[in-house]
Amino acid sequence: MKQHFFPIILVLGLSTAGCKNQPSAGTAKPGTATRNDCNQITDSVGRVLVNLVTARQSIQSYDSLCRIHWKGTAPVESYTIRAVDLLAAMGLPPELADSSICRFKHIRVYLGFQEKVGFKLYLVPVDNACLKGKDPSKWNAGVDVILDKGANPILANIDSTGTAAYDQYVLDLNAPCPNTCPQPGPLKVYR
């Protein structure tokens, strides 16, 4: 049963890893992580679910904008990310990716755009992906896993489940910059 709660564990892990006992900005030593108690452990994953229809519309809008702007060049629409990379970014042991607690070994992030809202970032677990070796043409991209309203994976083909389109969800993990990014950030030294 634990393995069906991977999306919840991932979001809670992301929340707690970045928000515990942070001293004020002036007291942290350079090169050390800062922490604060933002009580995100009690947050609900349901708050970040968006229905599949809305996500598809936003992704299509992003795709259209890119095709207009770059005139015929196929846009980058998504990224596949390994669980070991996410765990390392959260300061967790990467070997947890091979444990039974980690149901999915990859996620996929899709880019979207909504008028009056801006750019969007959608996240889904990916089942059965394999990104080993140096030749990307031999990689197995796996299959996106859509979630139900409880953020549990729908592992059957979504077209055959009888689940209404508005009862299928993805994670909408938007915390766009500049409001949620440090100023200046270490990756933006050119500004």
N, C-alpha and C. Protein backbone atom coordinates (compact mmCIF):
# COMPACT_ATOMS: atom_id res chain seq x y z
N MET A 1 0.82 -1.19 0.00
CA MET A 1 0.00 0.00 0.00
C MET A 1 0.87 1.26 0.00
N LYS A 2 2.06 1.18 0.66
CA LYS A 2 2.94 2.35 0.75
C LYS A 2 3.34 2.83 -0.64
N GLN A 3 3.56 1.90 -1.56
CA GLN A 3 4.06 2.29 -2.86
C GLN A 3 3.05 3.11 -3.66
N HIS A 4 1.79 3.05 -3.33
CA HIS A 4 0.78 3.84 -4.03
C HIS A 4 0.77 5.28 -3.56
N PHE A 5 1.49 5.58 -2.52
CA PHE A 5 1.51 6.93 -1.98
C PHE A 5 2.78 7.67 -2.36
N PHE A 6 3.49 7.19 -3.40
CA PHE A 6 4.73 7.83 -3.80
C PHE A 6 4.56 9.32 -4.08
N PRO A 7 3.53 9.73 -4.87
CA PRO A 7 3.41 11.17 -5.13
C PRO A 7 3.24 11.98 -3.85
N ILE A 8 2.52 11.45 -2.88
CA ILE A 8 2.32 12.16 -1.63
C ILE A 8 3.64 12.24 -0.87
N ILE A 9 4.36 11.12 -0.81
CA ILE A 9 5.64 11.09 -0.11
C ILE A 9 6.62 12.04 -0.77
N LEU A 10 6.62 12.08 -2.13
CA LEU A 10 7.52 12.97 -2.85
C LEU A 10 7.24 14.43 -2.51
N VAL A 11 5.98 14.84 -2.57
CA VAL A 11 5.63 16.23 -2.28
C VAL A 11 5.94 16.57 -0.83
N LEU A 12 5.61 15.68 0.09
CA LEU A 12 5.91 15.94 1.49
C LEU A 12 7.41 16.00 1.73
N GLY A 13 8.14 15.11 1.06
CA GLY A 13 9.60 15.13 1.19
C GLY A 13 10.19 16.41 0.67
N LEU A 14 9.70 16.86 -0.50
CA LEU A 14 10.18 18.13 -1.05
C LEU A 14 9.87 19.28 -0.11
N SER A 15 8.68 19.24 0.47
CA SER A 15 8.25 20.31 1.37
C SER A 15 9.10 20.36 2.63
N THR A 16 9.28 19.21 3.26
CA THR A 16 10.00 19.20 4.53
C THR A 16 11.50 19.35 4.35
N ALA A 17 12.04 18.88 3.22
CA ALA A 17 13.48 18.98 3.02
C ALA A 17 13.93 20.42 2.91
N GLY A 18 13.11 21.27 2.34
CA GLY A 18 13.53 22.64 2.13
C GLY A 18 13.04 23.62 3.18
N CYS A 19 12.29 23.17 4.17
CA CYS A 19 11.64 24.12 5.07
C CYS A 19 11.69 23.69 6.53
N LYS A 20 12.84 23.50 7.10
CA LYS A 20 12.92 23.12 8.51
C LYS A 20 13.98 23.93 9.23
N ASN A 21 13.59 24.62 10.25
CA ASN A 21 14.51 25.30 11.15
C ASN A 21 15.54 26.17 10.46
N GLN A 22 15.14 27.06 9.57
CA GLN A 22 16.08 27.94 8.90
C GLN A 22 16.37 29.16 9.76
N PRO A 23 17.66 29.45 10.02
CA PRO A 23 17.99 30.69 10.70
C PRO A 23 17.78 31.86 9.76
N SER A 24 17.80 33.06 10.28
CA SER A 24 17.63 34.23 9.43
C SER A 24 18.79 34.31 8.44
N ALA A 25 18.55 34.97 7.33
CA ALA A 25 19.53 35.00 6.23
C ALA A 25 20.88 35.52 6.69
N GLY A 26 20.92 36.42 7.63
CA GLY A 26 22.19 37.00 8.06
C GLY A 26 23.02 36.10 8.95
N THR A 27 22.46 35.02 9.51
CA THR A 27 23.20 34.18 10.44
C THR A 27 23.75 32.91 9.82
N ALA A 28 23.39 32.60 8.59
CA ALA A 28 23.86 31.38 7.95
C ALA A 28 25.29 31.56 7.46
N LYS A 29 26.10 30.51 7.59
CA LYS A 29 27.45 30.54 7.06
C LYS A 29 27.39 30.32 5.55
N PRO A 30 28.28 30.96 4.80
CA PRO A 30 28.28 30.76 3.35
C PRO A 30 28.47 29.28 3.02
N GLY A 31 27.72 28.80 2.02
CA GLY A 31 27.85 27.41 1.59
C GLY A 31 27.04 26.43 2.41
N THR A 32 26.29 26.89 3.43
CA THR A 32 25.47 25.98 4.22
C THR A 32 24.00 26.22 3.91
N ALA A 33 23.24 25.14 4.01
CA ALA A 33 21.81 25.26 3.76
C ALA A 33 21.14 25.95 4.95
N THR A 34 20.17 26.81 4.67
CA THR A 34 19.42 27.44 5.74
C THR A 34 18.09 26.71 5.89
N ARG A 35 17.50 26.78 7.09
CA ARG A 35 16.25 26.07 7.35
C ARG A 35 15.30 26.94 8.14
N ASN A 36 14.01 26.67 7.96
CA ASN A 36 13.00 27.30 8.81
C ASN A 36 11.85 26.32 9.00
N ASP A 37 11.02 26.58 9.95
CA ASP A 37 9.91 25.69 10.24
C ASP A 37 8.66 26.26 9.57
N CYS A 38 8.37 25.81 8.34
CA CYS A 38 7.23 26.36 7.61
C CYS A 38 6.02 25.43 7.68
N ASN A 39 6.08 24.39 8.50
CA ASN A 39 4.94 23.51 8.78
C ASN A 39 4.28 22.95 7.53
N GLN A 40 5.04 22.62 6.51
CA GLN A 40 4.45 22.07 5.30
C GLN A 40 4.13 20.59 5.42
N ILE A 41 4.54 19.95 6.51
CA ILE A 41 4.24 18.54 6.70
C ILE A 41 2.72 18.32 6.77
N THR A 42 1.97 19.33 7.18
CA THR A 42 0.53 19.19 7.28
C THR A 42 -0.18 19.61 6.00
N ASP A 43 0.57 20.01 5.00
CA ASP A 43 -0.01 20.44 3.74
C ASP A 43 -0.63 19.24 3.01
N SER A 44 -1.59 19.50 2.15
CA SER A 44 -2.29 18.46 1.42
C SER A 44 -1.83 18.41 -0.03
N VAL A 45 -1.58 17.21 -0.55
CA VAL A 45 -1.20 17.06 -1.95
C VAL A 45 -2.37 17.44 -2.86
N GLY A 46 -3.59 17.34 -2.36
CA GLY A 46 -4.75 17.73 -3.15
C GLY A 46 -4.72 19.19 -3.57
N ARG A 47 -4.00 20.00 -2.82
CA ARG A 47 -3.88 21.42 -3.13
C ARG A 47 -3.13 21.65 -4.45
N VAL A 48 -2.30 20.71 -4.86
CA VAL A 48 -1.50 20.89 -6.06
C VAL A 48 -1.95 20.01 -7.23
N LEU A 49 -3.12 19.39 -7.10
CA LEU A 49 -3.65 18.61 -8.22
C LEU A 49 -4.40 19.52 -9.18
N VAL A 50 -4.25 19.26 -10.46
CA VAL A 50 -5.02 19.95 -11.50
C VAL A 50 -5.53 18.87 -12.43
N ASN A 51 -6.74 19.05 -12.94
CA ASN A 51 -7.28 17.99 -13.79
C ASN A 51 -6.54 17.92 -15.12
N LEU A 52 -6.56 16.74 -15.69
CA LEU A 52 -5.81 16.44 -16.90
C LEU A 52 -6.24 17.32 -18.07
N VAL A 53 -7.49 17.64 -18.17
CA VAL A 53 -7.99 18.48 -19.27
C VAL A 53 -7.33 19.86 -19.22
N THR A 54 -7.29 20.47 -18.05
CA THR A 54 -6.66 21.78 -17.88
C THR A 54 -5.17 21.72 -18.20
N ALA A 55 -4.50 20.67 -17.69
CA ALA A 55 -3.06 20.53 -17.96
C ALA A 55 -2.80 20.38 -19.45
N ARG A 56 -3.60 19.57 -20.13
CA ARG A 56 -3.42 19.39 -21.58
C ARG A 56 -3.62 20.71 -22.33
N GLN A 57 -4.58 21.50 -21.93
CA GLN A 57 -4.82 22.80 -22.58
C GLN A 57 -3.62 23.73 -22.38
N SER A 58 -3.06 23.75 -21.17
CA SER A 58 -1.90 24.60 -20.89
C SER A 58 -0.68 24.13 -21.66
N ILE A 59 -0.50 22.83 -21.75
CA ILE A 59 0.65 22.27 -22.48
C ILE A 59 0.52 22.59 -23.96
N GLN A 60 -0.69 22.49 -24.49
CA GLN A 60 -0.92 22.82 -25.89
C GLN A 60 -0.68 24.32 -26.15
N SER A 61 -1.09 25.17 -25.21
CA SER A 61 -0.84 26.62 -25.35
C SER A 61 0.66 26.91 -25.38
N TYR A 62 1.40 26.26 -24.49
CA TYR A 62 2.86 26.43 -24.46
C TYR A 62 3.47 25.99 -25.79
N ASP A 63 3.03 24.83 -26.28
CA ASP A 63 3.53 24.29 -27.54
C ASP A 63 3.27 25.28 -28.68
N SER A 64 2.06 25.84 -28.72
CA SER A 64 1.71 26.81 -29.77
C SER A 64 2.57 28.06 -29.70
N LEU A 65 2.77 28.58 -28.48
CA LEU A 65 3.62 29.77 -28.31
C LEU A 65 5.04 29.51 -28.81
N CYS A 66 5.58 28.36 -28.46
CA CYS A 66 6.95 28.03 -28.88
C CYS A 66 7.05 27.90 -30.39
N ARG A 67 6.07 27.26 -31.01
CA ARG A 67 6.10 27.09 -32.47
C ARG A 67 5.99 28.44 -33.19
N ILE A 68 5.22 29.35 -32.65
CA ILE A 68 5.10 30.69 -33.23
C ILE A 68 6.42 31.45 -33.05
N HIS A 69 6.96 31.39 -31.84
CA HIS A 69 8.18 32.15 -31.54
C HIS A 69 9.40 31.62 -32.29
N TRP A 70 9.55 30.29 -32.33
CA TRP A 70 10.72 29.70 -32.96
C TRP A 70 10.44 29.17 -34.36
N LYS A 71 9.33 29.51 -34.92
CA LYS A 71 8.95 29.24 -36.31
C LYS A 71 9.37 27.85 -36.81
N GLY A 72 8.62 26.84 -36.39
CA GLY A 72 8.82 25.50 -36.93
C GLY A 72 9.73 24.61 -36.13
N THR A 73 10.51 25.16 -35.22
CA THR A 73 11.37 24.33 -34.39
C THR A 73 10.51 23.64 -33.34
N ALA A 74 10.67 22.34 -33.22
CA ALA A 74 9.89 21.60 -32.23
C ALA A 74 10.32 22.04 -30.83
N PRO A 75 9.37 22.43 -30.01
CA PRO A 75 9.72 22.92 -28.66
C PRO A 75 10.06 21.78 -27.71
N VAL A 76 10.87 22.10 -26.71
CA VAL A 76 11.08 21.18 -25.60
C VAL A 76 9.79 21.25 -24.80
N GLU A 77 9.12 20.12 -24.66
CA GLU A 77 7.83 20.14 -23.97
C GLU A 77 7.87 19.47 -22.61
N SER A 78 8.86 18.61 -22.39
CA SER A 78 8.91 17.94 -21.10
C SER A 78 10.32 17.43 -20.82
N TYR A 79 10.54 17.09 -19.56
CA TYR A 79 11.81 16.52 -19.12
C TYR A 79 11.52 15.28 -18.29
N THR A 80 12.29 14.22 -18.50
CA THR A 80 12.20 13.04 -17.67
C THR A 80 13.33 13.13 -16.65
N ILE A 81 12.99 12.96 -15.38
CA ILE A 81 13.95 13.13 -14.28
C ILE A 81 14.01 11.83 -13.49
N ARG A 82 15.21 11.39 -13.19
CA ARG A 82 15.39 10.16 -12.41
C ARG A 82 15.15 10.41 -10.93
N ALA A 83 14.59 9.42 -10.25
CA ALA A 83 14.34 9.52 -8.81
C ALA A 83 15.64 9.79 -8.06
N VAL A 84 16.74 9.19 -8.48
CA VAL A 84 18.01 9.40 -7.77
C VAL A 84 18.43 10.87 -7.82
N ASP A 85 18.12 11.55 -8.92
CA ASP A 85 18.45 12.97 -9.02
C ASP A 85 17.59 13.80 -8.07
N LEU A 86 16.30 13.47 -7.98
CA LEU A 86 15.41 14.18 -7.06
C LEU A 86 15.84 13.96 -5.61
N LEU A 87 16.14 12.72 -5.27
CA LEU A 87 16.55 12.41 -3.90
C LEU A 87 17.84 13.15 -3.54
N ALA A 88 18.79 13.15 -4.45
CA ALA A 88 20.05 13.86 -4.19
C ALA A 88 19.80 15.36 -4.01
N ALA A 89 18.90 15.94 -4.82
CA ALA A 89 18.60 17.37 -4.70
C ALA A 89 17.93 17.69 -3.36
N MET A 90 17.21 16.72 -2.79
CA MET A 90 16.55 16.93 -1.51
C MET A 90 17.45 16.57 -0.33
N GLY A 91 18.66 16.12 -0.61
CA GLY A 91 19.58 15.75 0.46
C GLY A 91 19.29 14.37 1.04
N LEU A 92 18.56 13.55 0.31
CA LEU A 92 18.24 12.20 0.75
C LEU A 92 19.16 11.19 0.07
N PRO A 93 19.38 10.03 0.69
CA PRO A 93 20.25 9.02 0.06
C PRO A 93 19.69 8.54 -1.27
N PRO A 94 20.45 8.67 -2.35
CA PRO A 94 19.96 8.24 -3.66
C PRO A 94 19.57 6.77 -3.73
N GLU A 95 20.14 5.94 -2.85
CA GLU A 95 19.80 4.52 -2.87
C GLU A 95 18.34 4.26 -2.48
N LEU A 96 17.66 5.26 -1.93
CA LEU A 96 16.23 5.11 -1.64
C LEU A 96 15.43 4.88 -2.92
N ALA A 97 15.98 5.29 -4.07
CA ALA A 97 15.29 5.09 -5.34
C ALA A 97 15.08 3.61 -5.63
N ASP A 98 15.94 2.76 -5.12
CA ASP A 98 15.80 1.31 -5.34
C ASP A 98 15.08 0.62 -4.20
N SER A 99 14.59 1.37 -3.24
CA SER A 99 13.87 0.76 -2.12
C SER A 99 12.40 0.57 -2.47
N SER A 100 11.70 -0.20 -1.67
CA SER A 100 10.29 -0.46 -1.92
C SER A 100 9.43 0.78 -1.67
N ILE A 101 9.95 1.76 -0.95
CA ILE A 101 9.18 2.97 -0.68
C ILE A 101 9.05 3.84 -1.93
N CYS A 102 9.94 3.68 -2.88
CA CYS A 102 9.95 4.48 -4.10
C CYS A 102 9.32 3.66 -5.23
N ARG A 103 8.03 3.84 -5.44
CA ARG A 103 7.27 3.06 -6.43
C ARG A 103 7.72 3.35 -7.85
N PHE A 104 7.96 4.60 -8.16
CA PHE A 104 8.36 5.00 -9.50
C PHE A 104 9.80 5.48 -9.47
N LYS A 105 10.53 5.16 -10.51
CA LYS A 105 11.95 5.50 -10.57
C LYS A 105 12.22 6.76 -11.38
N HIS A 106 11.17 7.31 -12.00
CA HIS A 106 11.30 8.52 -12.81
C HIS A 106 10.03 9.35 -12.67
N ILE A 107 10.18 10.63 -12.97
CA ILE A 107 9.02 11.51 -13.10
C ILE A 107 9.18 12.25 -14.43
N ARG A 108 8.09 12.84 -14.90
CA ARG A 108 8.18 13.67 -16.08
C ARG A 108 7.58 15.02 -15.74
N VAL A 109 8.25 16.06 -16.15
CA VAL A 109 7.81 17.43 -15.94
C VAL A 109 7.43 18.01 -17.30
N TYR A 110 6.21 18.51 -17.39
CA TYR A 110 5.71 19.13 -18.62
C TYR A 110 5.62 20.64 -18.43
N LEU A 111 5.92 21.37 -19.48
CA LEU A 111 5.82 22.83 -19.47
C LEU A 111 4.48 23.23 -20.08
N GLY A 112 3.85 24.23 -19.47
CA GLY A 112 2.58 24.72 -19.97
C GLY A 112 2.52 26.22 -19.86
N PHE A 113 1.45 26.78 -20.39
CA PHE A 113 1.25 28.23 -20.32
C PHE A 113 -0.24 28.50 -20.23
N GLN A 114 -0.62 29.42 -19.32
CA GLN A 114 -2.01 29.86 -19.20
C GLN A 114 -2.05 31.38 -19.27
N GLU A 115 -2.94 31.87 -20.09
CA GLU A 115 -3.13 33.31 -20.22
C GLU A 115 -3.46 33.89 -18.84
N LYS A 116 -2.90 35.03 -18.48
CA LYS A 116 -3.10 35.75 -17.23
C LYS A 116 -2.51 35.04 -16.01
N VAL A 117 -1.95 33.84 -16.19
CA VAL A 117 -1.32 33.11 -15.09
C VAL A 117 0.18 33.00 -15.36
N GLY A 118 0.53 32.69 -16.59
CA GLY A 118 1.93 32.55 -16.96
C GLY A 118 2.31 31.11 -17.20
N PHE A 119 3.59 30.85 -17.05
CA PHE A 119 4.11 29.51 -17.32
C PHE A 119 3.73 28.56 -16.21
N LYS A 120 3.52 27.30 -16.59
CA LYS A 120 3.10 26.26 -15.66
C LYS A 120 4.09 25.10 -15.73
N LEU A 121 4.12 24.33 -14.65
CA LEU A 121 4.97 23.16 -14.56
C LEU A 121 4.13 22.02 -14.01
N TYR A 122 3.97 20.96 -14.79
CA TYR A 122 3.15 19.82 -14.39
C TYR A 122 4.05 18.60 -14.20
N LEU A 123 3.72 17.80 -13.21
CA LEU A 123 4.56 16.66 -12.84
C LEU A 123 3.72 15.40 -12.78
N VAL A 124 4.23 14.32 -13.37
CA VAL A 124 3.59 13.01 -13.29
C VAL A 124 4.65 11.95 -13.01
N PRO A 125 4.27 10.90 -12.27
CA PRO A 125 5.18 9.76 -12.15
C PRO A 125 5.30 9.09 -13.51
N VAL A 126 6.40 8.39 -13.72
CA VAL A 126 6.61 7.65 -14.97
C VAL A 126 6.89 6.20 -14.60
N ASP A 127 6.17 5.30 -15.24
CA ASP A 127 6.34 3.87 -14.99
C ASP A 127 7.15 3.24 -16.11
N ASN A 128 8.06 2.37 -15.75
CA ASN A 128 8.78 1.52 -16.70
C ASN A 128 9.75 2.27 -17.61
N ALA A 129 10.33 3.35 -17.15
CA ALA A 129 11.34 4.06 -17.94
C ALA A 129 12.72 3.47 -17.65
N CYS A 130 13.61 3.58 -18.62
CA CYS A 130 14.99 3.15 -18.45
C CYS A 130 15.87 4.09 -19.27
N LEU A 131 16.65 4.91 -18.59
CA LEU A 131 17.50 5.90 -19.26
C LEU A 131 18.97 5.55 -19.08
N LYS A 132 19.32 4.30 -19.31
CA LYS A 132 20.71 3.85 -19.13
C LYS A 132 21.45 3.87 -20.46
N GLY A 133 22.75 4.05 -20.35
CA GLY A 133 23.59 4.05 -21.53
C GLY A 133 23.77 5.44 -22.11
N LYS A 134 24.71 5.56 -23.03
CA LYS A 134 25.04 6.87 -23.59
C LYS A 134 24.23 7.21 -24.83
N ASP A 135 23.49 6.25 -25.37
CA ASP A 135 22.74 6.47 -26.59
C ASP A 135 21.26 6.69 -26.28
N PRO A 136 20.79 7.96 -26.28
CA PRO A 136 19.40 8.25 -25.95
C PRO A 136 18.40 7.55 -26.86
N SER A 137 18.79 7.19 -28.07
CA SER A 137 17.85 6.51 -28.98
C SER A 137 17.50 5.11 -28.47
N LYS A 138 18.28 4.58 -27.55
CA LYS A 138 18.00 3.25 -26.98
C LYS A 138 17.30 3.31 -25.63
N TRP A 139 17.03 4.50 -25.15
CA TRP A 139 16.35 4.65 -23.86
C TRP A 139 14.87 4.32 -24.00
N ASN A 140 14.28 3.83 -22.93
CA ASN A 140 12.84 3.58 -22.88
C ASN A 140 12.23 4.73 -22.09
N ALA A 141 11.38 5.52 -22.73
CA ALA A 141 10.80 6.70 -22.10
C ALA A 141 9.80 6.36 -21.01
N GLY A 142 9.28 5.16 -20.98
CA GLY A 142 8.28 4.79 -19.99
C GLY A 142 6.93 5.39 -20.32
N VAL A 143 6.01 5.27 -19.38
CA VAL A 143 4.63 5.71 -19.57
C VAL A 143 4.24 6.66 -18.45
N ASP A 144 3.65 7.79 -18.81
CA ASP A 144 3.14 8.73 -17.80
C ASP A 144 2.05 8.06 -16.98
N VAL A 145 2.05 8.32 -15.69
CA VAL A 145 1.03 7.78 -14.79
C VAL A 145 0.16 8.95 -14.34
N ILE A 146 -1.11 8.89 -14.68
CA ILE A 146 -2.07 9.91 -14.29
C ILE A 146 -2.60 9.55 -12.91
N LEU A 147 -2.98 10.55 -12.14
CA LEU A 147 -3.41 10.36 -10.75
C LEU A 147 -4.92 10.49 -10.63
N ASP A 148 -5.47 9.89 -9.57
CA ASP A 148 -6.89 10.09 -9.27
C ASP A 148 -7.01 11.27 -8.31
N LYS A 149 -8.22 11.58 -7.87
CA LYS A 149 -8.43 12.76 -7.03
C LYS A 149 -7.80 12.64 -5.65
N GLY A 150 -7.37 11.43 -5.26
CA GLY A 150 -6.66 11.24 -4.02
C GLY A 150 -5.15 11.21 -4.22
N ALA A 151 -4.69 11.55 -5.41
CA ALA A 151 -3.28 11.55 -5.80
C ALA A 151 -2.70 10.14 -5.85
N ASN A 152 -3.54 9.15 -6.04
CA ASN A 152 -3.09 7.76 -6.21
C ASN A 152 -2.94 7.48 -7.70
N PRO A 153 -1.93 6.69 -8.07
CA PRO A 153 -1.71 6.41 -9.50
C PRO A 153 -2.86 5.60 -10.09
N ILE A 154 -3.25 5.97 -11.31
CA ILE A 154 -4.18 5.18 -12.10
C ILE A 154 -3.29 4.35 -13.02
N LEU A 155 -3.10 3.09 -12.68
CA LEU A 155 -2.12 2.28 -13.40
C LEU A 155 -2.67 1.61 -14.65
N ALA A 156 -3.99 1.58 -14.83
CA ALA A 156 -4.57 1.04 -16.06
C ALA A 156 -4.53 2.11 -17.13
N ASN A 157 -4.70 1.70 -18.37
CA ASN A 157 -4.78 2.64 -19.48
C ASN A 157 -5.89 3.65 -19.16
N ILE A 158 -5.57 4.94 -19.17
CA ILE A 158 -6.55 5.94 -18.72
C ILE A 158 -7.77 6.00 -19.62
N ASP A 159 -7.65 5.58 -20.85
CA ASP A 159 -8.81 5.60 -21.74
C ASP A 159 -9.75 4.44 -21.48
N SER A 160 -9.26 3.39 -20.81
CA SER A 160 -10.09 2.21 -20.60
C SER A 160 -10.63 2.10 -19.17
N THR A 161 -10.32 3.06 -18.31
CA THR A 161 -10.72 2.94 -16.92
C THR A 161 -12.15 3.38 -16.67
N GLY A 162 -12.74 4.11 -17.60
CA GLY A 162 -14.07 4.64 -17.38
C GLY A 162 -14.05 5.86 -16.48
N THR A 163 -12.86 6.32 -16.11
CA THR A 163 -12.73 7.51 -15.27
C THR A 163 -12.97 8.75 -16.13
N ALA A 164 -13.83 9.62 -15.68
CA ALA A 164 -14.11 10.84 -16.42
C ALA A 164 -12.86 11.68 -16.55
N ALA A 165 -12.74 12.41 -17.64
CA ALA A 165 -11.55 13.22 -17.90
C ALA A 165 -11.28 14.21 -16.78
N TYR A 166 -12.33 14.73 -16.13
CA TYR A 166 -12.11 15.69 -15.06
C TYR A 166 -11.82 15.01 -13.73
N ASP A 167 -11.78 13.68 -13.70
CA ASP A 167 -11.39 12.93 -12.50
C ASP A 167 -10.00 12.35 -12.65
N GLN A 168 -9.22 12.84 -13.61
CA GLN A 168 -7.84 12.43 -13.82
C GLN A 168 -6.97 13.66 -13.57
N TYR A 169 -5.88 13.47 -12.85
CA TYR A 169 -5.11 14.63 -12.39
C TYR A 169 -3.61 14.47 -12.61
N VAL A 170 -2.93 15.60 -12.61
CA VAL A 170 -1.48 15.68 -12.55
C VAL A 170 -1.14 16.66 -11.45
N LEU A 171 0.11 16.70 -11.04
CA LEU A 171 0.55 17.63 -10.01
C LEU A 171 0.94 18.95 -10.67
N ASP A 172 0.46 20.03 -10.12
CA ASP A 172 0.75 21.38 -10.61
C ASP A 172 1.64 22.03 -9.56
N LEU A 173 2.94 21.89 -9.73
CA LEU A 173 3.89 22.33 -8.70
C LEU A 173 4.47 23.69 -9.02
N ASN A 174 3.62 24.67 -9.14
CA ASN A 174 4.10 26.00 -9.49
C ASN A 174 4.45 26.84 -8.28
N ALA A 175 5.65 27.28 -8.27
CA ALA A 175 6.13 28.28 -7.33
C ALA A 175 7.11 29.13 -8.13
N PRO A 176 6.56 29.92 -9.08
CA PRO A 176 7.43 30.57 -10.06
C PRO A 176 8.32 31.66 -9.48
N CYS A 177 9.45 31.84 -10.14
CA CYS A 177 10.35 32.93 -9.80
C CYS A 177 9.79 34.20 -10.42
N PRO A 178 10.04 35.38 -9.87
CA PRO A 178 11.04 35.64 -8.85
C PRO A 178 10.53 35.50 -7.42
N ASN A 179 9.23 35.39 -7.19
CA ASN A 179 8.71 35.41 -5.82
C ASN A 179 9.26 34.30 -4.94
N THR A 180 9.54 33.14 -5.48
CA THR A 180 9.99 32.02 -4.65
C THR A 180 11.46 31.68 -4.88
N CYS A 181 12.21 32.56 -5.49
CA CYS A 181 13.62 32.30 -5.76
C CYS A 181 14.49 33.32 -5.02
N PRO A 182 15.68 32.90 -4.59
CA PRO A 182 16.57 33.84 -3.91
C PRO A 182 17.05 34.90 -4.90
N GLN A 183 17.27 36.07 -4.40
CA GLN A 183 17.77 37.16 -5.23
C GLN A 183 19.07 37.67 -4.65
N PRO A 184 20.17 37.62 -5.25
CA PRO A 184 20.40 36.92 -6.51
C PRO A 184 20.64 35.45 -6.24
N GLY A 185 20.22 34.58 -7.16
CA GLY A 185 20.44 33.15 -7.03
C GLY A 185 21.79 32.75 -7.56
N PRO A 186 22.37 31.68 -7.07
CA PRO A 186 23.70 31.26 -7.50
C PRO A 186 23.75 30.83 -8.97
N LEU A 187 22.62 30.48 -9.57
CA LEU A 187 22.62 30.11 -10.99
C LEU A 187 22.34 31.30 -11.89
N LYS A 188 22.17 32.47 -11.31
CA LYS A 188 21.87 33.66 -12.12
C LYS A 188 22.93 34.74 -11.88
N VAL A 189 24.18 34.37 -11.85
CA VAL A 189 25.24 35.33 -11.59
C VAL A 189 25.46 36.30 -12.75
N TYR A 190 24.96 35.96 -13.93
CA TYR A 190 25.12 36.81 -15.09
C TYR A 190 24.26 38.05 -15.04
N ARG A 191 23.29 38.11 -14.16
CA ARG A 191 22.37 39.25 -14.10
C ARG A 191 22.93 40.39 -13.32
